[in-house]
């Protein structure tokens, strides 16, 4: 079996934020937890997690229990506890600069202004990890902070399973064939109905 990998879904804790655009990374990891039958009910100090297998590789699914801008604390704890190398880490988060329905895989990239990612880069002292950005788009003339803390529209909600299926395919390639192959196939993919 290959070395373990870890998928971390960023978001804010609490019911108030659960369905917001900013929590789409956390929402995807919960969706994968159900789909792959990996329960995330074990607890670390700043995160919940579960462990399973995908193909011949051990996979951790992790959900930080801290606020988005403190994500680095949780990721630092996760990497330390499971003795992970940074190249076995996948951070999933929202991106307002990418249209809804589109995803993008990046490696060793800047935070792009995302506070959760900035916190991880700062606390880990490195940006050399993979990120799966899930596009949430943005509305012109609307404050970005206000926008990301809103819920998805009913039309967007109907398409979320398709977005998550696309994410699952990208993650599967990343786990089994590596970042370069995954990026070549999923670096700027969108669901067909968009």
C-alpha atoms as a PDB file:
ATOM      1  CA  UNK A   1       0.000   0.000   0.000  1.00  0.00           C
ATOM      2  CA  UNK A   2       1.254   3.479  -0.870  1.00  0.00           C
ATOM      3  CA  UNK A   3       1.843   6.232   1.672  1.00  0.00           C
ATOM      4  CA  UNK A   4      -1.338   7.733   3.152  1.00  0.00           C
ATOM      5  CA  UNK A   5      -2.884  10.879   1.707  1.00  0.00           C
ATOM      6  CA  UNK A   6      -5.135  13.408   3.357  1.00  0.00           C
ATOM      7  CA  UNK A   7      -8.021  15.515   2.045  1.00  0.00           C
ATOM      8  CA  UNK A   8      -8.893  18.562   4.161  1.00  0.00           C
ATOM      9  CA  UNK A   9     -12.129  20.487   3.516  1.00  0.00           C
ATOM     10  CA  UNK A  10     -11.976  24.114   4.630  1.00  0.00           C
ATOM     11  CA  UNK A  11     -14.941  25.936   6.142  1.00  0.00           C
ATOM     12  CA  UNK A  12     -16.275  27.631   9.246  1.00  0.00           C
ATOM     13  CA  UNK A  13     -17.717  25.639  12.179  1.00  0.00           C
ATOM     14  CA  UNK A  14     -21.352  25.774  13.275  1.00  0.00           C
ATOM     15  CA  UNK A  15     -24.823  25.483  11.737  1.00  0.00           C
ATOM     16  CA  UNK A  16     -24.848  29.180  10.810  1.00  0.00           C
ATOM     17  CA  UNK A  17     -22.117  28.622   8.188  1.00  0.00           C
ATOM     18  CA  UNK A  18     -22.823  25.036   7.136  1.00  0.00           C
ATOM     19  CA  UNK A  19     -24.618  25.775   3.861  1.00  0.00           C
ATOM     20  CA  UNK A  20     -22.668  28.889   2.844  1.00  0.00           C
ATOM     21  CA  UNK A  21     -20.513  29.178  -0.279  1.00  0.00           C
ATOM     22  CA  UNK A  22     -17.407  29.592   1.894  1.00  0.00           C
ATOM     23  CA  UNK A  23     -17.973  26.087   3.317  1.00  0.00           C
ATOM     24  CA  UNK A  24     -18.041  24.240  -0.012  1.00  0.00           C
ATOM     25  CA  UNK A  25     -14.680  22.562   0.728  1.00  0.00           C
ATOM     26  CA  UNK A  26     -16.014  21.153   3.988  1.00  0.00           C
ATOM     27  CA  UNK A  27     -19.251  20.181   2.230  1.00  0.00           C
ATOM     28  CA  UNK A  28     -17.337  18.191  -0.411  1.00  0.00           C
ATOM     29  CA  UNK A  29     -15.374  16.252   2.240  1.00  0.00           C
ATOM     30  CA  UNK A  30     -18.646  15.400   4.045  1.00  0.00           C
ATOM     31  CA  UNK A  31     -20.078  14.237   0.687  1.00  0.00           C
ATOM     32  CA  UNK A  32     -16.982  12.071   0.064  1.00  0.00           C
ATOM     33  CA  UNK A  33     -17.307  10.695   3.603  1.00  0.00           C
ATOM     34  CA  UNK A  34     -20.789   9.384   2.766  1.00  0.00           C
ATOM     35  CA  UNK A  35     -19.868   8.231  -0.752  1.00  0.00           C
ATOM     36  CA  UNK A  36     -16.693   6.388   0.315  1.00  0.00           C
ATOM     37  CA  UNK A  37     -18.185   5.211   3.615  1.00  0.00           C
ATOM     38  CA  UNK A  38     -15.450   6.851   5.703  1.00  0.00           C
ATOM     39  CA  UNK A  39     -16.961   8.236   8.902  1.00  0.00           C
ATOM     40  CA  UNK A  40     -15.391  11.472  10.144  1.00  0.00           C
ATOM     41  CA  UNK A  41     -16.380  11.099  13.795  1.00  0.00           C
ATOM     42  CA  UNK A  42     -12.920  10.713  15.335  1.00  0.00           C
ATOM     43  CA  UNK A  43     -11.585  13.847  17.016  1.00  0.00           C
ATOM     44  CA  UNK A  44      -8.327  15.718  17.115  1.00  0.00           C
ATOM     45  CA  UNK A  45      -7.908  18.955  19.069  1.00  0.00           C
ATOM     46  CA  UNK A  46      -8.751  21.230  16.122  1.00  0.00           C
ATOM     47  CA  UNK A  47     -10.348  18.829  13.619  1.00  0.00           C
ATOM     48  CA  UNK A  48     -12.501  15.748  13.043  1.00  0.00           C
ATOM     49  CA  UNK A  49     -11.288  12.915  10.844  1.00  0.00           C
ATOM     50  CA  UNK A  50     -11.871   9.472   9.434  1.00  0.00           C
ATOM     51  CA  UNK A  51      -9.589   6.932   7.777  1.00  0.00           C
ATOM     52  CA  UNK A  52     -10.358   4.584   4.899  1.00  0.00           C
ATOM     53  CA  UNK A  53      -8.887   3.197   1.717  1.00  0.00           C
ATOM     54  CA  UNK A  54      -9.195   4.196  -1.913  1.00  0.00           C
ATOM     55  CA  UNK A  55      -7.660   1.735  -4.319  1.00  0.00           C
ATOM     56  CA  UNK A  56      -4.529   0.584  -2.521  1.00  0.00           C
ATOM     57  CA  UNK A  57      -3.951   3.795  -0.609  1.00  0.00           C
ATOM     58  CA  UNK A  58      -4.938   4.862   2.911  1.00  0.00           C
ATOM     59  CA  UNK A  59      -6.967   8.083   2.863  1.00  0.00           C
ATOM     60  CA  UNK A  60      -7.692  10.483   5.716  1.00  0.00           C
ATOM     61  CA  UNK A  61     -10.700  12.791   5.413  1.00  0.00           C
ATOM     62  CA  UNK A  62     -10.336  15.798   7.723  1.00  0.00           C
ATOM     63  CA  UNK A  63     -12.674  18.612   8.765  1.00  0.00           C
ATOM     64  CA  UNK A  64     -11.123  21.491  10.735  1.00  0.00           C
ATOM     65  CA  UNK A  65     -13.231  22.607  13.710  1.00  0.00           C
ATOM     66  CA  UNK A  66     -11.633  26.074  13.826  1.00  0.00           C
ATOM     67  CA  UNK A  67     -12.669  29.171  11.877  1.00  0.00           C
ATOM     68  CA  UNK A  68     -11.447  29.524   8.311  1.00  0.00           C
ATOM     69  CA  UNK A  69      -8.733  32.076   9.076  1.00  0.00           C
ATOM     70  CA  UNK A  70      -7.217  29.668  11.660  1.00  0.00           C
ATOM     71  CA  UNK A  71      -7.110  26.667   9.277  1.00  0.00           C
ATOM     72  CA  UNK A  72      -3.314  26.507   9.581  1.00  0.00           C
ATOM     73  CA  UNK A  73      -3.566  25.356  13.215  1.00  0.00           C
ATOM     74  CA  UNK A  74      -5.744  22.410  12.214  1.00  0.00           C
ATOM     75  CA  UNK A  75      -3.635  21.432   9.200  1.00  0.00           C
ATOM     76  CA  UNK A  76      -0.442  21.632  11.241  1.00  0.00           C
ATOM     77  CA  UNK A  77      -1.994  19.260  13.799  1.00  0.00           C
ATOM     78  CA  UNK A  78      -3.193  16.882  11.057  1.00  0.00           C
ATOM     79  CA  UNK A  79       0.195  16.730   9.294  1.00  0.00           C
ATOM     80  CA  UNK A  80       2.024  16.182  12.590  1.00  0.00           C
ATOM     81  CA  UNK A  81      -0.371  13.528  13.944  1.00  0.00           C
ATOM     82  CA  UNK A  82      -0.470  11.401  10.794  1.00  0.00           C
ATOM     83  CA  UNK A  83       3.190  12.054   9.845  1.00  0.00           C
ATOM     84  CA  UNK A  84       2.186  13.281   6.403  1.00  0.00           C
ATOM     85  CA  UNK A  85       4.462  14.764   3.787  1.00  0.00           C
ATOM     86  CA  UNK A  86       3.110  17.965   2.236  1.00  0.00           C
ATOM     87  CA  UNK A  87       2.827  16.326  -1.184  1.00  0.00           C
ATOM     88  CA  UNK A  88       0.271  13.887   0.264  1.00  0.00           C
ATOM     89  CA  UNK A  89      -1.958  16.778   1.373  1.00  0.00           C
ATOM     90  CA  UNK A  90      -4.961  18.076  -0.614  1.00  0.00           C
ATOM     91  CA  UNK A  91      -6.696  21.221   0.622  1.00  0.00           C
ATOM     92  CA  UNK A  92     -10.219  21.771  -0.770  1.00  0.00           C
ATOM     93  CA  UNK A  93     -11.722  25.259  -0.679  1.00  0.00           C
ATOM     94  CA  UNK A  94     -13.976  27.783  -2.376  1.00  0.00           C
ATOM     95  CA  UNK A  95     -12.700  30.274  -4.949  1.00  0.00           C
ATOM     96  CA  UNK A  96     -14.706  33.346  -5.929  1.00  0.00           C
ATOM     97  CA  UNK A  97     -12.438  34.068  -8.920  1.00  0.00           C
ATOM     98  CA  UNK A  98     -13.552  30.820 -10.591  1.00  0.00           C
ATOM     99  CA  UNK A  99     -17.103  30.606 -12.019  1.00  0.00           C
ATOM    100  CA  UNK A 100     -19.602  28.300 -10.359  1.00  0.00           C
ATOM    101  CA  UNK A 101     -19.465  24.802 -11.873  1.00  0.00           C
ATOM    102  CA  UNK A 102     -15.738  24.967 -12.589  1.00  0.00           C
ATOM    103  CA  UNK A 103     -12.878  23.440 -10.573  1.00  0.00           C
ATOM    104  CA  UNK A 104      -9.136  23.945 -10.649  1.00  0.00           C
ATOM    105  CA  UNK A 105      -6.247  21.901  -9.245  1.00  0.00           C
ATOM    106  CA  UNK A 106      -3.082  23.812  -8.343  1.00  0.00           C
ATOM    107  CA  UNK A 107       0.210  22.957  -6.669  1.00  0.00           C
ATOM    108  CA  UNK A 108       2.608  25.243  -4.762  1.00  0.00           C
ATOM    109  CA  UNK A 109       0.526  28.316  -5.472  1.00  0.00           C
ATOM    110  CA  UNK A 110       0.007  31.543  -3.519  1.00  0.00           C
ATOM    111  CA  UNK A 111      -3.090  31.976  -1.340  1.00  0.00           C
ATOM    112  CA  UNK A 112      -4.768  34.220  -3.928  1.00  0.00           C
ATOM    113  CA  UNK A 113      -6.242  36.206  -1.029  1.00  0.00           C
ATOM    114  CA  UNK A 114      -7.997  33.179   0.528  1.00  0.00           C
ATOM    115  CA  UNK A 115      -7.581  33.584   4.285  1.00  0.00           C
ATOM    116  CA  UNK A 116      -7.836  29.881   5.081  1.00  0.00           C
ATOM    117  CA  UNK A 117      -5.080  29.052   2.597  1.00  0.00           C
ATOM    118  CA  UNK A 118      -2.969  32.000   3.786  1.00  0.00           C
ATOM    119  CA  UNK A 119      -3.219  30.662   7.353  1.00  0.00           C
ATOM    120  CA  UNK A 120      -2.054  27.204   6.211  1.00  0.00           C
ATOM    121  CA  UNK A 121       0.904  28.620   4.246  1.00  0.00           C
ATOM    122  CA  UNK A 122       1.923  30.753   7.234  1.00  0.00           C
ATOM    123  CA  UNK A 123       1.624  28.003   9.859  1.00  0.00           C
ATOM    124  CA  UNK A 124       3.224  25.298   7.688  1.00  0.00           C
ATOM    125  CA  UNK A 125       5.972  27.618   6.468  1.00  0.00           C
ATOM    126  CA  UNK A 126       5.399  26.310   2.940  1.00  0.00           C
ATOM    127  CA  UNK A 127       3.012  26.542   0.003  1.00  0.00           C
ATOM    128  CA  UNK A 128       4.133  23.232  -1.526  1.00  0.00           C
ATOM    129  CA  UNK A 129       0.888  21.303  -1.284  1.00  0.00           C
ATOM    130  CA  UNK A 130      -2.007  20.613  -3.654  1.00  0.00           C
ATOM    131  CA  UNK A 131      -5.268  22.552  -3.630  1.00  0.00           C
ATOM    132  CA  UNK A 132      -8.587  21.809  -5.241  1.00  0.00           C
ATOM    133  CA  UNK A 133     -10.409  25.080  -5.811  1.00  0.00           C
ATOM    134  CA  UNK A 134     -14.171  24.854  -6.249  1.00  0.00           C
ATOM    135  CA  UNK A 135     -15.572  27.813  -8.165  1.00  0.00           C
ATOM    136  CA  UNK A 136     -18.341  29.768  -6.461  1.00  0.00           C
ATOM    137  CA  UNK A 137     -18.221  32.802  -8.795  1.00  0.00           C
ATOM    138  CA  UNK A 138     -18.967  36.256  -7.503  1.00  0.00           C
ATOM    139  CA  UNK A 139     -21.611  38.934  -7.942  1.00  0.00           C
ATOM    140  CA  UNK A 140     -20.544  42.341  -9.158  1.00  0.00           C
ATOM    141  CA  UNK A 141     -21.455  45.209  -6.846  1.00  0.00           C
ATOM    142  CA  UNK A 142     -21.704  42.850  -3.879  1.00  0.00           C
ATOM    143  CA  UNK A 143     -19.248  42.807  -0.982  1.00  0.00           C
ATOM    144  CA  UNK A 144     -17.153  39.622  -1.313  1.00  0.00           C
ATOM    145  CA  UNK A 145     -17.255  38.761   2.410  1.00  0.00           C
ATOM    146  CA  UNK A 146     -21.042  39.086   2.369  1.00  0.00           C
ATOM    147  CA  UNK A 147     -21.285  37.022  -0.825  1.00  0.00           C
ATOM    148  CA  UNK A 148     -19.183  34.042   0.351  1.00  0.00           C
ATOM    149  CA  UNK A 149     -21.207  33.839   3.573  1.00  0.00           C
ATOM    150  CA  UNK A 150     -24.479  33.521   1.642  1.00  0.00           C
ATOM    151  CA  UNK A 151     -26.116  30.196   0.815  1.00  0.00           C
ATOM    152  CA  UNK A 152     -26.041  28.740  -2.683  1.00  0.00           C
ATOM    153  CA  UNK A 153     -29.031  29.591  -4.878  1.00  0.00           C
ATOM    154  CA  UNK A 154     -31.631  26.829  -5.510  1.00  0.00           C
ATOM    155  CA  UNK A 155     -30.286  26.517  -9.092  1.00  0.00           C
ATOM    156  CA  UNK A 156     -26.713  26.086  -7.811  1.00  0.00           C
ATOM    157  CA  UNK A 157     -27.831  23.533  -5.196  1.00  0.00           C
ATOM    158  CA  UNK A 158     -29.350  21.366  -7.937  1.00  0.00           C
ATOM    159  CA  UNK A 159     -25.948  21.197  -9.644  1.00  0.00           C
ATOM    160  CA  UNK A 160     -23.820  20.506  -6.556  1.00  0.00           C
ATOM    161  CA  UNK A 161     -23.797  16.714  -7.016  1.00  0.00           C
ATOM    162  CA  UNK A 162     -22.402  17.165 -10.527  1.00  0.00           C
ATOM    163  CA  UNK A 163     -19.723  19.533  -9.230  1.00  0.00           C
ATOM    164  CA  UNK A 164     -18.831  17.060  -6.470  1.00  0.00           C
ATOM    165  CA  UNK A 165     -18.706  14.124  -8.918  1.00  0.00           C
ATOM    166  CA  UNK A 166     -16.221  16.106 -11.017  1.00  0.00           C
ATOM    167  CA  UNK A 167     -14.189  16.837  -7.859  1.00  0.00           C
ATOM    168  CA  UNK A 168     -14.256  13.139  -6.923  1.00  0.00           C
ATOM    169  CA  UNK A 169     -12.833  12.173 -10.337  1.00  0.00           C
ATOM    170  CA  UNK A 170     -10.061  14.773 -10.004  1.00  0.00           C
ATOM    171  CA  UNK A 171      -9.213  13.569  -6.483  1.00  0.00           C
ATOM    172  CA  UNK A 172      -9.170   9.938  -7.652  1.00  0.00           C
ATOM    173  CA  UNK A 173      -6.593  10.765 -10.325  1.00  0.00           C
ATOM    174  CA  UNK A 174      -4.531  12.786  -7.808  1.00  0.00           C
ATOM    175  CA  UNK A 175      -4.524   9.864  -5.350  1.00  0.00           C
ATOM    176  CA  UNK A 176      -3.776   7.109  -7.869  1.00  0.00           C
ATOM    177  CA  UNK A 177      -1.746   8.825 -10.608  1.00  0.00           C
ATOM    178  CA  UNK A 178      -0.247  11.931  -9.017  1.00  0.00           C
ATOM    179  CA  UNK A 179      -0.552  15.688  -9.235  1.00  0.00           C
ATOM    180  CA  UNK A 180       0.820  16.198 -12.757  1.00  0.00           C
ATOM    181  CA  UNK A 181      -1.696  13.827 -14.349  1.00  0.00           C
ATOM    182  CA  UNK A 182      -4.522  15.250 -12.226  1.00  0.00           C
ATOM    183  CA  UNK A 183      -3.616  18.819 -13.167  1.00  0.00           C
ATOM    184  CA  UNK A 184      -3.392  17.969 -16.871  1.00  0.00           C
ATOM    185  CA  UNK A 185      -6.909  16.497 -16.770  1.00  0.00           C
ATOM    186  CA  UNK A 186      -8.652  18.719 -14.214  1.00  0.00           C
ATOM    187  CA  UNK A 187      -6.806  22.009 -14.013  1.00  0.00           C
ATOM    188  CA  UNK A 188      -9.716  23.986 -15.446  1.00  0.00           C
ATOM    189  CA  UNK A 189     -12.676  21.625 -15.841  1.00  0.00           C
ATOM    190  CA  UNK A 190     -16.317  22.521 -15.546  1.00  0.00           C
ATOM    191  CA  UNK A 191     -19.551  20.543 -15.329  1.00  0.00           C
ATOM    192  CA  UNK A 192     -21.310  20.163 -18.671  1.00  0.00           C
ATOM    193  CA  UNK A 193     -24.577  21.829 -17.633  1.00  0.00           C
ATOM    194  CA  UNK A 194     -22.908  25.185 -16.936  1.00  0.00           C
END
